[in-house]
């Protein structure tokens, strides 16, 4: 697995026990009252309930926190970079699946950005096969989970500034 991560140039990661993933109701509330992507394809309410998400993580034995870094402006989300990272992460998920880990599942670093034009809902998604939810859409308190794992993560305070995005690869 380490070799695969090196090949994909994913060097900022940490293995954790999925039981260490912090799930919190406040994360779902922030999706509902503060995210412009609420209601889109892989975002709430198109995701399991908070309690179902918590149960879901208990079905896994290991998880990989993958930190992606990008210098960006607050009002200029780097969509092309995000799409590139999503494709890279999906290729890792597929490779791990082919290593005989059929339960592998990616929580993407962002809301789905694969299509340049989003259909606006899960049923009409143009790429259901590759659409993956973000950790936040599964009610993951990303900041607390990352900090508990001993990694650093920052809120973008300067514009432009260093943006940290977290993906989680769940492995049986």
C-alpha atoms as a PDB file:
ATOM      1  CA  UNK A   1       0.000   0.000   0.000  1.00  0.00           C
ATOM      2  CA  UNK A   2       2.828   2.385   0.865  1.00  0.00           C
ATOM      3  CA  UNK A   3       4.343   1.840  -2.582  1.00  0.00           C
ATOM      4  CA  UNK A   4       1.023   2.725  -4.232  1.00  0.00           C
ATOM      5  CA  UNK A   5       0.793   5.949  -2.211  1.00  0.00           C
ATOM      6  CA  UNK A   6       4.351   6.906  -3.193  1.00  0.00           C
ATOM      7  CA  UNK A   7       3.605   6.195  -6.863  1.00  0.00           C
ATOM      8  CA  UNK A   8       0.578   8.499  -6.667  1.00  0.00           C
ATOM      9  CA  UNK A   9       2.668  11.163  -4.881  1.00  0.00           C
ATOM     10  CA  UNK A  10       0.439  11.023  -1.798  1.00  0.00           C
ATOM     11  CA  UNK A  11       2.970  11.546   0.969  1.00  0.00           C
ATOM     12  CA  UNK A  12       0.984  13.267   3.726  1.00  0.00           C
ATOM     13  CA  UNK A  13      -1.100  10.493   5.292  1.00  0.00           C
ATOM     14  CA  UNK A  14      -1.667   8.604   8.511  1.00  0.00           C
ATOM     15  CA  UNK A  15      -3.127   5.185   9.290  1.00  0.00           C
ATOM     16  CA  UNK A  16      -5.813   5.211  11.972  1.00  0.00           C
ATOM     17  CA  UNK A  17      -8.373   2.883  13.482  1.00  0.00           C
ATOM     18  CA  UNK A  18     -11.795   3.848  12.046  1.00  0.00           C
ATOM     19  CA  UNK A  19     -13.107   3.873  15.624  1.00  0.00           C
ATOM     20  CA  UNK A  20     -11.036   7.062  16.005  1.00  0.00           C
ATOM     21  CA  UNK A  21     -13.099   8.877  13.366  1.00  0.00           C
ATOM     22  CA  UNK A  22     -15.097  11.524  15.212  1.00  0.00           C
ATOM     23  CA  UNK A  23     -18.706  11.737  14.026  1.00  0.00           C
ATOM     24  CA  UNK A  24     -20.777  14.690  15.235  1.00  0.00           C
ATOM     25  CA  UNK A  25     -24.247  16.059  14.679  1.00  0.00           C
ATOM     26  CA  UNK A  26     -22.913  19.643  14.486  1.00  0.00           C
ATOM     27  CA  UNK A  27     -21.110  18.741  11.242  1.00  0.00           C
ATOM     28  CA  UNK A  28     -24.406  17.776   9.603  1.00  0.00           C
ATOM     29  CA  UNK A  29     -26.031  20.976  10.881  1.00  0.00           C
ATOM     30  CA  UNK A  30     -23.199  23.032   9.330  1.00  0.00           C
ATOM     31  CA  UNK A  31     -23.874  21.239   6.023  1.00  0.00           C
ATOM     32  CA  UNK A  32     -27.529  22.140   6.306  1.00  0.00           C
ATOM     33  CA  UNK A  33     -27.000  25.765   7.364  1.00  0.00           C
ATOM     34  CA  UNK A  34     -23.834  26.930   5.724  1.00  0.00           C
ATOM     35  CA  UNK A  35     -22.817  24.909   2.716  1.00  0.00           C
ATOM     36  CA  UNK A  36     -23.843  25.887  -0.778  1.00  0.00           C
ATOM     37  CA  UNK A  37     -23.526  22.239  -1.867  1.00  0.00           C
ATOM     38  CA  UNK A  38     -26.267  21.038   0.500  1.00  0.00           C
ATOM     39  CA  UNK A  39     -28.730  18.923  -1.479  1.00  0.00           C
ATOM     40  CA  UNK A  40     -26.358  18.175  -4.344  1.00  0.00           C
ATOM     41  CA  UNK A  41     -25.448  14.618  -5.400  1.00  0.00           C
ATOM     42  CA  UNK A  42     -23.226  13.187  -2.664  1.00  0.00           C
ATOM     43  CA  UNK A  43     -24.126  15.695   0.034  1.00  0.00           C
ATOM     44  CA  UNK A  44     -26.843  15.574   2.681  1.00  0.00           C
ATOM     45  CA  UNK A  45     -29.714  14.829   2.554  1.00  0.00           C
ATOM     46  CA  UNK A  46     -28.480  12.279  -0.024  1.00  0.00           C
ATOM     47  CA  UNK A  47     -26.296  10.572   2.578  1.00  0.00           C
ATOM     48  CA  UNK A  48     -27.038   8.278   5.534  1.00  0.00           C
ATOM     49  CA  UNK A  49     -28.131   9.723   8.867  1.00  0.00           C
ATOM     50  CA  UNK A  50     -25.463  10.695  11.402  1.00  0.00           C
ATOM     51  CA  UNK A  51     -26.066   7.517  13.433  1.00  0.00           C
ATOM     52  CA  UNK A  52     -25.905   5.384  10.275  1.00  0.00           C
ATOM     53  CA  UNK A  53     -22.589   7.023   9.356  1.00  0.00           C
ATOM     54  CA  UNK A  54     -21.221   6.250  12.806  1.00  0.00           C
ATOM     55  CA  UNK A  55     -22.260   2.588  12.443  1.00  0.00           C
ATOM     56  CA  UNK A  56     -20.766   2.449   8.952  1.00  0.00           C
ATOM     57  CA  UNK A  57     -17.276   3.328  10.217  1.00  0.00           C
ATOM     58  CA  UNK A  58     -17.429   0.479  12.747  1.00  0.00           C
ATOM     59  CA  UNK A  59     -17.540  -2.003   9.854  1.00  0.00           C
ATOM     60  CA  UNK A  60     -13.923  -1.209   8.950  1.00  0.00           C
ATOM     61  CA  UNK A  61     -10.626  -2.265  10.509  1.00  0.00           C
ATOM     62  CA  UNK A  62      -8.324   0.432   9.166  1.00  0.00           C
ATOM     63  CA  UNK A  63      -8.510   3.863   7.624  1.00  0.00           C
ATOM     64  CA  UNK A  64      -6.087   6.117   5.893  1.00  0.00           C
ATOM     65  CA  UNK A  65      -6.296   9.873   6.429  1.00  0.00           C
ATOM     66  CA  UNK A  66      -4.882  11.539   3.330  1.00  0.00           C
ATOM     67  CA  UNK A  67      -4.072  15.235   3.549  1.00  0.00           C
ATOM     68  CA  UNK A  68      -3.993  17.262   0.351  1.00  0.00           C
ATOM     69  CA  UNK A  69      -2.591  20.782   0.327  1.00  0.00           C
ATOM     70  CA  UNK A  70      -3.211  23.601  -2.121  1.00  0.00           C
ATOM     71  CA  UNK A  71      -2.525  27.320  -2.050  1.00  0.00           C
ATOM     72  CA  UNK A  72      -5.789  28.924  -3.152  1.00  0.00           C
ATOM     73  CA  UNK A  73      -8.072  31.900  -2.801  1.00  0.00           C
ATOM     74  CA  UNK A  74     -11.327  31.681  -0.851  1.00  0.00           C
ATOM     75  CA  UNK A  75     -13.423  32.805  -3.800  1.00  0.00           C
ATOM     76  CA  UNK A  76     -11.485  30.819  -6.402  1.00  0.00           C
ATOM     77  CA  UNK A  77     -11.834  27.149  -5.485  1.00  0.00           C
ATOM     78  CA  UNK A  78      -9.278  25.202  -7.571  1.00  0.00           C
ATOM     79  CA  UNK A  79     -11.763  22.966  -9.412  1.00  0.00           C
ATOM     80  CA  UNK A  80      -9.260  21.557 -11.900  1.00  0.00           C
ATOM     81  CA  UNK A  81      -6.870  20.590  -9.099  1.00  0.00           C
ATOM     82  CA  UNK A  82      -9.777  19.108  -7.146  1.00  0.00           C
ATOM     83  CA  UNK A  83     -10.859  17.011 -10.139  1.00  0.00           C
ATOM     84  CA  UNK A  84      -7.268  15.813 -10.586  1.00  0.00           C
ATOM     85  CA  UNK A  85      -7.038  14.842  -6.903  1.00  0.00           C
ATOM     86  CA  UNK A  86     -10.402  13.058  -7.058  1.00  0.00           C
ATOM     87  CA  UNK A  87      -9.274  10.997 -10.029  1.00  0.00           C
ATOM     88  CA  UNK A  88      -6.006  10.161  -8.263  1.00  0.00           C
ATOM     89  CA  UNK A  89      -7.852   9.094  -5.097  1.00  0.00           C
ATOM     90  CA  UNK A  90     -10.329   7.014  -7.101  1.00  0.00           C
ATOM     91  CA  UNK A  91      -7.417   5.232  -8.781  1.00  0.00           C
ATOM     92  CA  UNK A  92      -5.991   4.425  -5.327  1.00  0.00           C
ATOM     93  CA  UNK A  93      -9.378   3.115  -4.201  1.00  0.00           C
ATOM     94  CA  UNK A  94      -9.564   0.901  -7.315  1.00  0.00           C
ATOM     95  CA  UNK A  95      -6.004  -0.408  -6.848  1.00  0.00           C
ATOM     96  CA  UNK A  96      -6.742  -1.285  -3.205  1.00  0.00           C
ATOM     97  CA  UNK A  97      -9.934  -3.058  -4.299  1.00  0.00           C
ATOM     98  CA  UNK A  98      -7.850  -5.121  -6.754  1.00  0.00           C
ATOM     99  CA  UNK A  99      -5.481  -6.007  -3.865  1.00  0.00           C
ATOM    100  CA  UNK A 100      -8.376  -8.106  -2.547  1.00  0.00           C
ATOM    101  CA  UNK A 101     -10.004  -5.475  -0.335  1.00  0.00           C
ATOM    102  CA  UNK A 102     -13.585  -5.501  -1.681  1.00  0.00           C
ATOM    103  CA  UNK A 103     -14.981  -3.241   1.073  1.00  0.00           C
ATOM    104  CA  UNK A 104     -12.592  -0.348   0.346  1.00  0.00           C
ATOM    105  CA  UNK A 105     -14.454   2.954   0.233  1.00  0.00           C
ATOM    106  CA  UNK A 106     -13.252   6.491  -0.386  1.00  0.00           C
ATOM    107  CA  UNK A 107     -14.581   9.557   1.351  1.00  0.00           C
ATOM    108  CA  UNK A 108     -13.417  12.177  -1.104  1.00  0.00           C
ATOM    109  CA  UNK A 109     -11.552  15.344  -0.126  1.00  0.00           C
ATOM    110  CA  UNK A 110     -14.430  17.516  -1.338  1.00  0.00           C
ATOM    111  CA  UNK A 111     -17.974  17.429  -2.553  1.00  0.00           C
ATOM    112  CA  UNK A 112     -18.028  15.788  -5.937  1.00  0.00           C
ATOM    113  CA  UNK A 113     -16.368  17.933  -8.601  1.00  0.00           C
ATOM    114  CA  UNK A 114     -16.032  15.385 -11.391  1.00  0.00           C
ATOM    115  CA  UNK A 115     -18.571  16.939 -13.747  1.00  0.00           C
ATOM    116  CA  UNK A 116     -18.197  20.515 -14.846  1.00  0.00           C
ATOM    117  CA  UNK A 117     -22.010  20.770 -14.803  1.00  0.00           C
ATOM    118  CA  UNK A 118     -23.650  19.031 -11.832  1.00  0.00           C
ATOM    119  CA  UNK A 119     -27.135  17.613 -12.386  1.00  0.00           C
ATOM    120  CA  UNK A 120     -28.001  18.881  -8.925  1.00  0.00           C
ATOM    121  CA  UNK A 121     -29.268  15.615  -7.483  1.00  0.00           C
ATOM    122  CA  UNK A 122     -28.144  12.055  -6.842  1.00  0.00           C
ATOM    123  CA  UNK A 123     -30.758  10.393  -9.065  1.00  0.00           C
ATOM    124  CA  UNK A 124     -29.669  12.306 -12.164  1.00  0.00           C
ATOM    125  CA  UNK A 125     -25.926  12.157 -11.437  1.00  0.00           C
ATOM    126  CA  UNK A 126     -23.868  11.891 -14.627  1.00  0.00           C
ATOM    127  CA  UNK A 127     -21.149   9.773 -12.976  1.00  0.00           C
ATOM    128  CA  UNK A 128     -22.681   7.692 -10.159  1.00  0.00           C
ATOM    129  CA  UNK A 129     -19.919   5.101 -10.482  1.00  0.00           C
ATOM    130  CA  UNK A 130     -17.254   7.595  -9.414  1.00  0.00           C
ATOM    131  CA  UNK A 131     -19.217   9.933  -7.185  1.00  0.00           C
ATOM    132  CA  UNK A 132     -18.033   9.755  -3.580  1.00  0.00           C
ATOM    133  CA  UNK A 133     -19.184  11.671  -0.521  1.00  0.00           C
ATOM    134  CA  UNK A 134     -16.859  13.889   1.471  1.00  0.00           C
ATOM    135  CA  UNK A 135     -15.977  13.113   5.095  1.00  0.00           C
ATOM    136  CA  UNK A 136     -18.111  16.096   6.137  1.00  0.00           C
ATOM    137  CA  UNK A 137     -21.144  14.734   4.302  1.00  0.00           C
ATOM    138  CA  UNK A 138     -20.726  11.601   6.452  1.00  0.00           C
ATOM    139  CA  UNK A 139     -20.767  13.834   9.564  1.00  0.00           C
ATOM    140  CA  UNK A 140     -17.027  13.491  10.206  1.00  0.00           C
ATOM    141  CA  UNK A 141     -15.544  16.167  12.438  1.00  0.00           C
ATOM    142  CA  UNK A 142     -12.497  16.425  10.196  1.00  0.00           C
ATOM    143  CA  UNK A 143     -10.588  18.876  12.386  1.00  0.00           C
ATOM    144  CA  UNK A 144     -10.911  16.778  15.544  1.00  0.00           C
ATOM    145  CA  UNK A 145     -10.227  13.493  13.734  1.00  0.00           C
ATOM    146  CA  UNK A 146      -7.080  14.862  12.083  1.00  0.00           C
ATOM    147  CA  UNK A 147      -5.840  16.510  15.289  1.00  0.00           C
ATOM    148  CA  UNK A 148      -6.472  13.311  17.287  1.00  0.00           C
ATOM    149  CA  UNK A 149      -4.324  11.462  14.736  1.00  0.00           C
ATOM    150  CA  UNK A 150      -1.445  13.880  15.398  1.00  0.00           C
ATOM    151  CA  UNK A 151      -1.670  15.663  12.056  1.00  0.00           C
ATOM    152  CA  UNK A 152      -1.940  19.409  11.599  1.00  0.00           C
ATOM    153  CA  UNK A 153      -4.815  21.072   9.804  1.00  0.00           C
ATOM    154  CA  UNK A 154      -5.587  24.748   9.516  1.00  0.00           C
ATOM    155  CA  UNK A 155      -8.528  26.984   8.821  1.00  0.00           C
ATOM    156  CA  UNK A 156      -7.786  29.180   5.820  1.00  0.00           C
ATOM    157  CA  UNK A 157      -7.334  32.538   7.530  1.00  0.00           C
ATOM    158  CA  UNK A 158      -5.552  34.407   4.756  1.00  0.00           C
ATOM    159  CA  UNK A 159      -6.799  34.997   1.249  1.00  0.00           C
ATOM    160  CA  UNK A 160      -5.197  33.441  -0.650  1.00  0.00           C
ATOM    161  CA  UNK A 161      -3.822  30.836   1.725  1.00  0.00           C
ATOM    162  CA  UNK A 162      -2.860  27.240   2.321  1.00  0.00           C
ATOM    163  CA  UNK A 163      -5.916  25.010   2.065  1.00  0.00           C
ATOM    164  CA  UNK A 164      -5.853  21.547   3.631  1.00  0.00           C
ATOM    165  CA  UNK A 165      -8.311  18.964   2.321  1.00  0.00           C
ATOM    166  CA  UNK A 166      -8.757  15.526   3.890  1.00  0.00           C
ATOM    167  CA  UNK A 167      -9.786  12.313   2.201  1.00  0.00           C
ATOM    168  CA  UNK A 168     -10.402   9.090   4.105  1.00  0.00           C
ATOM    169  CA  UNK A 169      -9.826   5.685   2.573  1.00  0.00           C
ATOM    170  CA  UNK A 170     -11.619   2.980   4.546  1.00  0.00           C
ATOM    171  CA  UNK A 171     -10.230  -0.527   4.283  1.00  0.00           C
ATOM    172  CA  UNK A 172     -11.724  -3.694   5.725  1.00  0.00           C
END
